[in-house]
Every structure is written in structure tokens, then in C-alpha cells.
């Protein structure tokens, strides 16, 4: 591991303005290349992948088990 580079990067990040820090944070932690949960749900609803479940018996009801 290169500790000097890590120390330099940390110092550089700490020297950023608030605007620059927010931009960096967005780039690091909010990668928009991944689909959102809503997009995944929409894809599952539009595809026929889970249609086989419509023919499956309902094994559980709201009356099963104990309330949490």
C-alpha cells in the first residue's frame, strides 16, 4: 500500500471547497449507472420472468403465524 498517496489524497479532499466536496461525494457515492429500485421493479413488472408465480398456489395468508 502506498501510504504517501493516501495521505496526499486525504489532504487534497480536506482542502476542497464545499461545492467541490459535494461534487466529489456525488461522483463517489451516487453512481447513476446502476438502475434504481423503481427501475428494477418496473423491469420485473414488464418482463414475463415472474409470470409463473401467478399459477402457484397461495401457501400463506395474513392469518398465518403470529403477529409481529
Protein backbone atom coordinates (compact mmCIF):
# COMPACT_ATOMS: atom_id res chain seq x y z
CA UNK A 1 0.00 0.00 0.00
CA UNK A 2 1.27 3.45 -0.82
CA UNK A 3 0.68 5.49 2.34
CA UNK A 4 2.09 8.69 0.83
CA UNK A 5 -0.50 8.70 -1.94
CA UNK A 6 -3.31 8.02 0.53
CA UNK A 7 -2.15 10.84 2.81
CA UNK A 8 -1.92 13.18 -0.18
CA UNK A 9 -5.43 12.26 -1.37
CA UNK A 10 -6.86 12.81 2.12
CA UNK A 11 -5.20 16.24 2.37
CA UNK A 12 -6.46 17.10 -1.09
CA UNK A 13 -10.02 16.09 -0.21
CA UNK A 14 -9.90 18.09 3.01
CA UNK A 15 -8.75 21.15 1.06
CA UNK A 16 -11.76 21.09 -1.30
CA UNK A 17 -14.41 23.77 -1.13
CA UNK A 18 -17.88 22.71 -0.05
CA UNK A 19 -19.05 22.77 -3.66
CA UNK A 20 -16.12 20.65 -4.82
CA UNK A 21 -16.61 18.24 -1.92
CA UNK A 22 -20.29 17.78 -2.82
CA UNK A 23 -19.40 17.13 -6.43
CA UNK A 24 -16.80 14.53 -5.40
CA UNK A 25 -19.23 12.92 -2.99
CA UNK A 26 -21.84 12.64 -5.72
CA UNK A 27 -19.36 11.03 -8.09
CA UNK A 28 -18.17 8.54 -5.48
CA UNK A 29 -21.36 7.52 -3.72
CA UNK A 30 -24.22 8.11 -6.14
CA UNK A 31 -23.26 6.17 -9.23
CA UNK A 32 -26.15 6.74 -11.61
CA UNK A 33 -25.03 3.95 -13.94
CA UNK A 34 -26.83 1.45 -11.72
CA UNK A 35 -30.58 1.07 -12.13
CA UNK A 36 -32.73 2.45 -9.33
CA UNK A 37 -35.04 0.26 -7.27
CA UNK A 38 -38.02 1.69 -9.15
CA UNK A 39 -36.40 0.81 -12.49
CA UNK A 40 -35.75 -2.76 -11.34
CA UNK A 41 -39.36 -3.14 -10.18
CA UNK A 42 -40.63 -1.76 -13.49
CA UNK A 43 -38.40 -4.17 -15.40
CA UNK A 44 -39.70 -7.11 -13.37
CA UNK A 45 -43.30 -5.99 -13.93
CA UNK A 46 -42.89 -5.57 -17.68
CA UNK A 47 -40.95 -8.76 -18.27
CA UNK A 48 -42.62 -12.15 -18.19
CA UNK A 49 -39.97 -13.56 -15.85
CA UNK A 50 -42.18 -13.94 -12.78
CA UNK A 51 -45.46 -14.75 -14.53
CA UNK A 52 -45.10 -18.41 -13.48
CA UNK A 53 -45.87 -17.31 -9.91
CA UNK A 54 -49.44 -16.48 -10.95
CA UNK A 55 -50.09 -20.22 -11.33
CA UNK A 56 -48.60 -21.13 -7.95
CA UNK A 57 -50.91 -21.80 -5.01
CA UNK A 58 -51.10 -19.23 -2.23
CA UNK A 59 -49.35 -21.02 0.60
CA UNK A 60 -49.56 -18.24 3.13
CA UNK A 61 -52.26 -15.82 4.15
CA UNK A 62 -52.46 -12.88 6.53
CA UNK A 63 -53.98 -15.25 9.10
CA UNK A 64 -50.89 -17.49 9.18
CA UNK A 65 -48.41 -17.27 12.01
CA UNK A 66 -48.26 -14.87 14.87
CA UNK A 67 -48.40 -11.07 14.51
CA UNK A 68 -45.10 -9.30 14.97
